[in-house]
Amino acid sequence: MDTIGPIQNRVSRFFIDVDDRNWEAVEATMTGRVHLDYSSFGAGEPVYLSPEEITTAWKELLPGFDQTHHQIGNALIESKEQKADVKLHATATHYIDGAEGGDIWVVYGTYHMTLVHEGGTWKFNSIRFNFKFQDGNLELPVLAQTRADEKAA
């Protein structure tokens, strides 16, 4: 039985849905509690969160960008029975049209994700981002946060 194809599709669909702000679909790809670790990027200690808590946090920033684009590649997938381990490279491009200081902020790194086969599908139970470097307008996240706050108000 081919497990690599469905796992790879799940990972690709996850990043596409994040970029499309399809929060309900993003939440459906996760288990009830997910180990989330962005500590290498200065986001504090790793935590266990519900899918809703994760997307709530992402909704506070990502809608402030006009567009985001996660490009993933070099995926190494190891699957054994009901668990999969995925390592991949990622480039996350964030765009705000006409922003002072530049339109683009790009973050480069790798992800280490684990998935479990649950309820007939693969679901994320751990997402760890390993920051490498960033480029472009490093003030864009602050502007995006302000814009997201204004949209939410």
N, C-alpha and C. Protein backbone atom coordinates (compact mmCIF):
# COMPACT_ATOMS: atom_id res chain seq x y z
N MET A 1 0.84 -1.19 0.00
CA MET A 1 0.00 0.00 0.00
C MET A 1 0.88 1.25 0.00
N ASP A 2 0.59 2.15 -0.93
CA ASP A 2 1.34 3.41 -1.04
C ASP A 2 0.87 4.39 0.03
N THR A 3 1.75 4.71 0.96
CA THR A 3 1.40 5.72 1.97
C THR A 3 2.07 7.05 1.67
N ILE A 4 3.16 7.04 0.91
CA ILE A 4 3.92 8.26 0.65
C ILE A 4 3.07 9.28 -0.12
N GLY A 5 2.37 8.84 -1.16
CA GLY A 5 1.55 9.75 -1.96
C GLY A 5 0.50 10.49 -1.14
N PRO A 6 -0.33 9.78 -0.37
CA PRO A 6 -1.32 10.47 0.45
C PRO A 6 -0.71 11.39 1.51
N ILE A 7 0.44 11.02 2.05
CA ILE A 7 1.10 11.89 3.04
C ILE A 7 1.61 13.15 2.36
N GLN A 8 2.25 12.98 1.22
CA GLN A 8 2.76 14.13 0.49
C GLN A 8 1.62 15.07 0.08
N ASN A 9 0.51 14.51 -0.36
CA ASN A 9 -0.65 15.33 -0.71
C ASN A 9 -1.20 16.07 0.49
N ARG A 10 -1.22 15.42 1.65
CA ARG A 10 -1.72 16.05 2.87
C ARG A 10 -0.84 17.25 3.23
N VAL A 11 0.47 17.08 3.15
CA VAL A 11 1.39 18.17 3.48
C VAL A 11 1.23 19.32 2.49
N SER A 12 1.17 19.02 1.21
CA SER A 12 0.99 20.07 0.20
C SER A 12 -0.32 20.81 0.40
N ARG A 13 -1.40 20.07 0.62
CA ARG A 13 -2.71 20.67 0.81
C ARG A 13 -2.73 21.57 2.05
N PHE A 14 -2.03 21.17 3.10
CA PHE A 14 -1.95 21.97 4.32
C PHE A 14 -1.41 23.37 4.02
N PHE A 15 -0.28 23.44 3.32
CA PHE A 15 0.32 24.74 3.03
C PHE A 15 -0.52 25.55 2.03
N ILE A 16 -1.14 24.88 1.07
CA ILE A 16 -2.04 25.58 0.14
C ILE A 16 -3.21 26.17 0.91
N ASP A 17 -3.80 25.40 1.81
CA ASP A 17 -4.94 25.90 2.59
C ASP A 17 -4.55 27.04 3.52
N VAL A 18 -3.34 27.01 4.08
CA VAL A 18 -2.88 28.14 4.90
C VAL A 18 -2.80 29.39 4.02
N ASP A 19 -2.20 29.28 2.85
CA ASP A 19 -2.08 30.44 1.96
C ASP A 19 -3.44 30.93 1.47
N ASP A 20 -4.39 30.03 1.32
CA ASP A 20 -5.74 30.40 0.89
C ASP A 20 -6.63 30.85 2.06
N ARG A 21 -6.09 30.80 3.27
CA ARG A 21 -6.85 31.16 4.49
C ARG A 21 -8.09 30.29 4.65
N ASN A 22 -7.96 29.04 4.26
CA ASN A 22 -9.05 28.07 4.39
C ASN A 22 -8.91 27.39 5.75
N TRP A 23 -9.26 28.14 6.79
CA TRP A 23 -8.98 27.72 8.17
C TRP A 23 -9.68 26.44 8.56
N GLU A 24 -10.90 26.26 8.11
CA GLU A 24 -11.62 25.03 8.45
C GLU A 24 -10.90 23.80 7.90
N ALA A 25 -10.41 23.90 6.68
CA ALA A 25 -9.66 22.79 6.08
C ALA A 25 -8.33 22.57 6.80
N VAL A 26 -7.67 23.66 7.19
CA VAL A 26 -6.41 23.53 7.93
C VAL A 26 -6.65 22.79 9.25
N GLU A 27 -7.68 23.20 9.97
CA GLU A 27 -8.00 22.56 11.25
C GLU A 27 -8.30 21.08 11.08
N ALA A 28 -8.95 20.72 9.99
CA ALA A 28 -9.33 19.32 9.74
C ALA A 28 -8.12 18.43 9.49
N THR A 29 -6.95 19.02 9.19
CA THR A 29 -5.76 18.22 8.93
C THR A 29 -4.99 17.88 10.20
N MET A 30 -5.49 18.34 11.36
CA MET A 30 -4.74 18.17 12.61
C MET A 30 -5.48 17.27 13.60
N THR A 31 -4.70 16.65 14.48
CA THR A 31 -5.27 15.88 15.57
C THR A 31 -5.81 16.85 16.63
N GLY A 32 -6.44 16.33 17.67
CA GLY A 32 -7.05 17.16 18.71
C GLY A 32 -6.08 18.07 19.43
N ARG A 33 -4.85 17.64 19.61
CA ARG A 33 -3.79 18.45 20.20
C ARG A 33 -2.55 18.30 19.32
N VAL A 34 -1.93 19.43 19.01
CA VAL A 34 -0.77 19.41 18.11
C VAL A 34 0.41 20.05 18.84
N HIS A 35 1.55 19.38 18.76
CA HIS A 35 2.78 19.95 19.31
C HIS A 35 3.30 20.94 18.28
N LEU A 36 3.29 22.23 18.63
CA LEU A 36 3.67 23.30 17.72
C LEU A 36 4.95 23.95 18.24
N ASP A 37 5.97 24.02 17.38
CA ASP A 37 7.26 24.54 17.81
C ASP A 37 7.83 25.50 16.77
N TYR A 38 7.73 26.78 17.07
CA TYR A 38 8.36 27.83 16.27
C TYR A 38 9.43 28.53 17.10
N SER A 39 9.99 27.82 18.09
CA SER A 39 10.95 28.43 19.01
C SER A 39 12.22 28.90 18.30
N SER A 40 12.62 28.25 17.22
CA SER A 40 13.83 28.67 16.51
C SER A 40 13.63 30.03 15.84
N PHE A 41 12.38 30.45 15.73
CA PHE A 41 12.04 31.71 15.11
C PHE A 41 11.65 32.76 16.15
N GLY A 42 11.94 32.46 17.42
CA GLY A 42 11.68 33.42 18.49
C GLY A 42 10.25 33.45 18.98
N ALA A 43 9.50 32.38 18.76
CA ALA A 43 8.08 32.37 19.13
C ALA A 43 7.82 31.73 20.48
N GLY A 44 8.81 31.69 21.34
CA GLY A 44 8.61 31.10 22.67
C GLY A 44 8.79 29.60 22.66
N GLU A 45 8.50 29.01 23.78
CA GLU A 45 8.67 27.56 23.95
C GLU A 45 7.63 26.78 23.15
N PRO A 46 7.97 25.55 22.77
CA PRO A 46 6.98 24.70 22.10
C PRO A 46 5.75 24.50 22.98
N VAL A 47 4.59 24.35 22.34
CA VAL A 47 3.33 24.21 23.07
C VAL A 47 2.46 23.13 22.42
N TYR A 48 1.51 22.64 23.18
CA TYR A 48 0.47 21.77 22.65
C TYR A 48 -0.79 22.60 22.54
N LEU A 49 -1.35 22.68 21.33
CA LEU A 49 -2.53 23.50 21.08
C LEU A 49 -3.57 22.71 20.29
N SER A 50 -4.81 23.14 20.41
CA SER A 50 -5.86 22.58 19.57
C SER A 50 -5.73 23.19 18.18
N PRO A 51 -6.29 22.55 17.17
CA PRO A 51 -6.28 23.15 15.83
C PRO A 51 -6.89 24.56 15.81
N GLU A 52 -7.96 24.76 16.57
CA GLU A 52 -8.60 26.07 16.62
C GLU A 52 -7.69 27.13 17.24
N GLU A 53 -6.94 26.75 18.26
CA GLU A 53 -6.01 27.70 18.88
C GLU A 53 -4.89 28.08 17.89
N ILE A 54 -4.46 27.13 17.11
CA ILE A 54 -3.41 27.40 16.12
C ILE A 54 -3.92 28.36 15.05
N THR A 55 -5.07 28.06 14.47
CA THR A 55 -5.57 28.93 13.40
C THR A 55 -5.99 30.30 13.94
N THR A 56 -6.45 30.36 15.18
CA THR A 56 -6.78 31.66 15.78
C THR A 56 -5.53 32.54 15.82
N ALA A 57 -4.41 31.96 16.21
CA ALA A 57 -3.14 32.72 16.25
C ALA A 57 -2.73 33.14 14.84
N TRP A 58 -2.86 32.25 13.87
CA TRP A 58 -2.48 32.58 12.51
C TRP A 58 -3.40 33.64 11.91
N LYS A 59 -4.68 33.62 12.31
CA LYS A 59 -5.64 34.62 11.83
C LYS A 59 -5.30 36.02 12.33
N GLU A 60 -4.52 36.11 13.40
CA GLU A 60 -4.15 37.41 13.96
C GLU A 60 -3.01 38.06 13.19
N LEU A 61 -2.39 37.33 12.26
CA LEU A 61 -1.28 37.89 11.49
C LEU A 61 -1.46 37.72 9.98
N LEU A 62 -1.69 36.50 9.53
CA LEU A 62 -1.65 36.22 8.09
C LEU A 62 -2.64 37.03 7.26
N PRO A 63 -3.86 37.31 7.72
CA PRO A 63 -4.77 38.14 6.90
C PRO A 63 -4.28 39.58 6.70
N GLY A 64 -3.28 40.00 7.46
CA GLY A 64 -2.71 41.33 7.28
C GLY A 64 -1.80 41.44 6.06
N PHE A 65 -1.44 40.32 5.48
CA PHE A 65 -0.68 40.32 4.24
C PHE A 65 -1.65 40.24 3.06
N ASP A 66 -1.31 40.89 1.97
CA ASP A 66 -2.14 40.77 0.78
C ASP A 66 -2.08 39.34 0.23
N GLN A 67 -0.91 38.73 0.32
CA GLN A 67 -0.72 37.35 -0.12
C GLN A 67 0.39 36.71 0.70
N THR A 68 0.30 35.40 0.84
CA THR A 68 1.43 34.60 1.34
C THR A 68 1.58 33.43 0.38
N HIS A 69 2.81 32.92 0.31
CA HIS A 69 3.07 31.78 -0.56
C HIS A 69 4.12 30.90 0.10
N HIS A 70 3.70 29.71 0.50
CA HIS A 70 4.62 28.73 1.06
C HIS A 70 5.06 27.78 -0.06
N GLN A 71 6.34 27.78 -0.34
CA GLN A 71 6.89 26.88 -1.34
C GLN A 71 7.67 25.80 -0.60
N ILE A 72 7.27 24.55 -0.77
CA ILE A 72 7.93 23.46 -0.05
C ILE A 72 8.61 22.53 -1.05
N GLY A 73 9.63 21.85 -0.58
CA GLY A 73 10.33 20.91 -1.45
C GLY A 73 11.32 20.06 -0.69
N ASN A 74 11.98 19.19 -1.43
CA ASN A 74 12.97 18.26 -0.87
C ASN A 74 12.39 17.45 0.29
N ALA A 75 11.16 17.02 0.14
CA ALA A 75 10.49 16.28 1.21
C ALA A 75 11.09 14.89 1.37
N LEU A 76 11.41 14.58 2.60
CA LEU A 76 11.82 13.22 2.98
C LEU A 76 10.71 12.67 3.86
N ILE A 77 10.08 11.61 3.41
CA ILE A 77 8.94 11.04 4.12
C ILE A 77 9.25 9.61 4.51
N GLU A 78 9.12 9.33 5.79
CA GLU A 78 9.28 7.97 6.29
C GLU A 78 7.98 7.60 6.98
N SER A 79 7.41 6.50 6.56
CA SER A 79 6.13 6.06 7.09
C SER A 79 6.27 4.64 7.62
N LYS A 80 5.74 4.42 8.81
CA LYS A 80 5.74 3.09 9.39
C LYS A 80 4.41 2.89 10.11
N GLU A 81 3.65 1.96 9.58
CA GLU A 81 2.33 1.64 10.10
C GLU A 81 1.44 2.89 10.13
N GLN A 82 1.11 3.39 11.30
CA GLN A 82 0.14 4.49 11.42
C GLN A 82 0.81 5.83 11.73
N LYS A 83 2.13 5.94 11.51
CA LYS A 83 2.85 7.18 11.82
C LYS A 83 3.78 7.54 10.66
N ALA A 84 3.89 8.84 10.41
CA ALA A 84 4.78 9.31 9.35
C ALA A 84 5.62 10.46 9.87
N ASP A 85 6.84 10.51 9.39
CA ASP A 85 7.79 11.55 9.74
C ASP A 85 8.15 12.28 8.44
N VAL A 86 7.97 13.60 8.42
CA VAL A 86 8.20 14.38 7.21
C VAL A 86 9.19 15.50 7.51
N LYS A 87 10.22 15.58 6.69
CA LYS A 87 11.18 16.69 6.77
C LYS A 87 11.20 17.35 5.41
N LEU A 88 11.13 18.69 5.38
CA LEU A 88 11.11 19.39 4.11
C LEU A 88 11.65 20.80 4.24
N HIS A 89 12.08 21.33 3.11
CA HIS A 89 12.52 22.72 3.03
C HIS A 89 11.31 23.59 2.74
N ALA A 90 11.33 24.83 3.25
CA ALA A 90 10.21 25.74 3.01
C ALA A 90 10.71 27.17 2.85
N THR A 91 10.09 27.85 1.92
CA THR A 91 10.28 29.29 1.72
C THR A 91 8.90 29.92 1.84
N ALA A 92 8.74 30.82 2.79
CA ALA A 92 7.45 31.48 3.00
C ALA A 92 7.59 32.95 2.59
N THR A 93 6.92 33.30 1.50
CA THR A 93 6.96 34.66 1.00
C THR A 93 5.69 35.37 1.43
N HIS A 94 5.86 36.57 1.98
CA HIS A 94 4.75 37.38 2.49
C HIS A 94 4.78 38.70 1.73
N TYR A 95 3.59 39.15 1.28
CA TYR A 95 3.52 40.30 0.38
C TYR A 95 2.47 41.30 0.84
N ILE A 96 2.85 42.58 0.88
CA ILE A 96 1.92 43.69 1.08
C ILE A 96 2.21 44.71 -0.01
N ASP A 97 1.24 44.93 -0.87
CA ASP A 97 1.40 45.83 -2.01
C ASP A 97 1.70 47.25 -1.54
N GLY A 98 2.80 47.81 -2.06
CA GLY A 98 3.14 49.20 -1.80
C GLY A 98 3.64 49.51 -0.40
N ALA A 99 4.07 48.52 0.34
CA ALA A 99 4.55 48.75 1.70
C ALA A 99 5.84 49.57 1.68
N GLU A 100 5.89 50.55 2.57
CA GLU A 100 7.10 51.35 2.69
C GLU A 100 8.25 50.44 3.14
N GLY A 101 9.36 50.52 2.45
CA GLY A 101 10.51 49.67 2.79
C GLY A 101 10.55 48.39 1.98
N GLY A 102 9.51 48.15 1.15
CA GLY A 102 9.49 46.97 0.31
C GLY A 102 8.25 46.13 0.51
N ASP A 103 7.83 45.46 -0.55
CA ASP A 103 6.59 44.69 -0.55
C ASP A 103 6.73 43.28 0.02
N ILE A 104 7.95 42.78 0.10
CA ILE A 104 8.18 41.35 0.34
C ILE A 104 8.99 41.11 1.61
N TRP A 105 8.57 40.09 2.37
CA TRP A 105 9.34 39.54 3.49
C TRP A 105 9.36 38.03 3.26
N VAL A 106 10.56 37.44 3.26
CA VAL A 106 10.70 36.02 2.98
C VAL A 106 11.41 35.33 4.14
N VAL A 107 10.85 34.20 4.56
CA VAL A 107 11.42 33.40 5.64
C VAL A 107 11.82 32.04 5.05
N TYR A 108 13.03 31.62 5.37
CA TYR A 108 13.57 30.35 4.87
C TYR A 108 13.83 29.42 6.04
N GLY A 109 13.52 28.15 5.85
CA GLY A 109 13.80 27.18 6.90
C GLY A 109 13.38 25.79 6.48
N THR A 110 13.31 24.92 7.45
CA THR A 110 12.85 23.56 7.23
C THR A 110 11.73 23.26 8.22
N TYR A 111 10.92 22.30 7.87
CA TYR A 111 9.89 21.80 8.77
C TYR A 111 10.18 20.35 9.09
N HIS A 112 9.89 19.98 10.31
CA HIS A 112 9.87 18.57 10.72
C HIS A 112 8.46 18.36 11.27
N MET A 113 7.70 17.52 10.58
CA MET A 113 6.31 17.30 10.91
C MET A 113 6.07 15.81 11.12
N THR A 114 5.19 15.50 12.05
CA THR A 114 4.77 14.10 12.19
C THR A 114 3.26 14.04 11.98
N LEU A 115 2.85 12.95 11.39
CA LEU A 115 1.44 12.71 11.12
C LEU A 115 1.09 11.33 11.63
N VAL A 116 -0.17 11.18 12.00
CA VAL A 116 -0.69 9.87 12.38
C VAL A 116 -1.90 9.57 11.51
N HIS A 117 -2.09 8.29 11.25
CA HIS A 117 -3.24 7.88 10.46
C HIS A 117 -4.41 7.70 11.43
N GLU A 118 -5.40 8.56 11.29
CA GLU A 118 -6.50 8.62 12.26
C GLU A 118 -7.81 8.86 11.51
N GLY A 119 -8.79 8.05 11.78
CA GLY A 119 -10.10 8.23 11.15
C GLY A 119 -10.05 8.11 9.64
N GLY A 120 -9.16 7.26 9.13
CA GLY A 120 -9.08 7.02 7.70
C GLY A 120 -8.27 8.04 6.92
N THR A 121 -7.60 8.95 7.62
CA THR A 121 -6.80 9.97 6.93
C THR A 121 -5.56 10.31 7.75
N TRP A 122 -4.61 10.97 7.11
CA TRP A 122 -3.38 11.40 7.79
C TRP A 122 -3.60 12.76 8.43
N LYS A 123 -3.22 12.90 9.70
CA LYS A 123 -3.38 14.16 10.42
C LYS A 123 -2.08 14.54 11.13
N PHE A 124 -1.82 15.84 11.16
CA PHE A 124 -0.63 16.36 11.83
C PHE A 124 -0.80 16.28 13.34
N ASN A 125 0.23 15.79 14.02
CA ASN A 125 0.23 15.87 15.48
C ASN A 125 1.45 16.60 16.01
N SER A 126 2.36 16.98 15.10
CA SER A 126 3.52 17.78 15.50
C SER A 126 4.02 18.58 14.29
N ILE A 127 4.28 19.88 14.53
CA ILE A 127 4.81 20.76 13.50
C ILE A 127 5.93 21.57 14.12
N ARG A 128 7.14 21.38 13.62
CA ARG A 128 8.29 22.14 14.11
C ARG A 128 8.97 22.85 12.95
N PHE A 129 9.10 24.17 13.09
CA PHE A 129 9.79 24.96 12.09
C PHE A 129 11.21 25.21 12.57
N ASN A 130 12.17 25.04 11.66
CA ASN A 130 13.58 25.27 11.96
C ASN A 130 14.06 26.45 11.11
N PHE A 131 14.12 27.61 11.72
CA PHE A 131 14.47 28.85 11.04
C PHE A 131 15.91 28.81 10.55
N LYS A 132 16.11 29.27 9.30
CA LYS A 132 17.45 29.42 8.74
C LYS A 132 17.81 30.90 8.63
N PHE A 133 17.05 31.65 7.82
CA PHE A 133 17.30 33.09 7.68
C PHE A 133 16.08 33.75 7.06
N GLN A 134 16.09 35.08 7.03
CA GLN A 134 15.01 35.85 6.43
C GLN A 134 15.60 36.96 5.58
N ASP A 135 14.77 37.50 4.70
CA ASP A 135 15.24 38.52 3.77
C ASP A 135 14.07 39.45 3.45
N GLY A 136 14.39 40.59 2.89
CA GLY A 136 13.36 41.53 2.49
C GLY A 136 13.03 42.53 3.59
N ASN A 137 11.82 43.03 3.58
CA ASN A 137 11.37 44.05 4.51
C ASN A 137 11.01 43.40 5.85
N LEU A 138 11.92 43.50 6.81
CA LEU A 138 11.72 42.85 8.10
C LEU A 138 10.67 43.56 8.96
N GLU A 139 10.19 44.72 8.51
CA GLU A 139 9.12 45.43 9.22
C GLU A 139 7.73 45.01 8.75
N LEU A 140 7.66 44.20 7.71
CA LEU A 140 6.37 43.79 7.16
C LEU A 140 5.48 43.05 8.17
N PRO A 141 6.03 42.19 9.04
CA PRO A 141 5.15 41.54 10.02
C PRO A 141 4.43 42.52 10.95
N VAL A 142 5.12 43.60 11.33
CA VAL A 142 4.48 44.60 12.19
C VAL A 142 3.34 45.27 11.45
N LEU A 143 3.56 45.63 10.20
CA LEU A 143 2.51 46.23 9.38
C LEU A 143 1.35 45.25 9.19
N ALA A 144 1.67 43.98 8.94
CA ALA A 144 0.63 42.97 8.76
C ALA A 144 -0.20 42.81 10.02
N GLN A 145 0.44 42.83 11.17
CA GLN A 145 -0.28 42.70 12.45
C GLN A 145 -1.27 43.85 12.61
N THR A 146 -0.83 45.09 12.31
CA THR A 146 -1.72 46.25 12.40
C THR A 146 -2.88 46.10 11.43
N ARG A 147 -2.60 45.69 10.21
CA ARG A 147 -3.65 45.52 9.20
C ARG A 147 -4.63 44.42 9.60
N ALA A 148 -4.13 43.32 10.17
CA ALA A 148 -5.01 42.22 10.59
C ALA A 148 -5.91 42.69 11.74
N ASP A 149 -5.34 43.47 12.67
CA ASP A 149 -6.13 44.00 13.79
C ASP A 149 -7.25 44.89 13.26
N GLU A 150 -6.94 45.71 12.27
CA GLU A 150 -7.95 46.62 11.69
C GLU A 150 -9.05 45.84 10.97
N LYS A 151 -8.67 44.76 10.28
CA LYS A 151 -9.67 43.93 9.59
C LYS A 151 -10.58 43.23 10.58
N ALA A 152 -10.03 42.82 11.72
CA ALA A 152 -10.80 42.09 12.73
C ALA A 152 -11.76 43.01 13.49
N ALA A 153 -11.42 44.30 13.54
CA ALA A 153 -12.23 45.25 14.33
C ALA A 153 -13.56 45.55 13.69
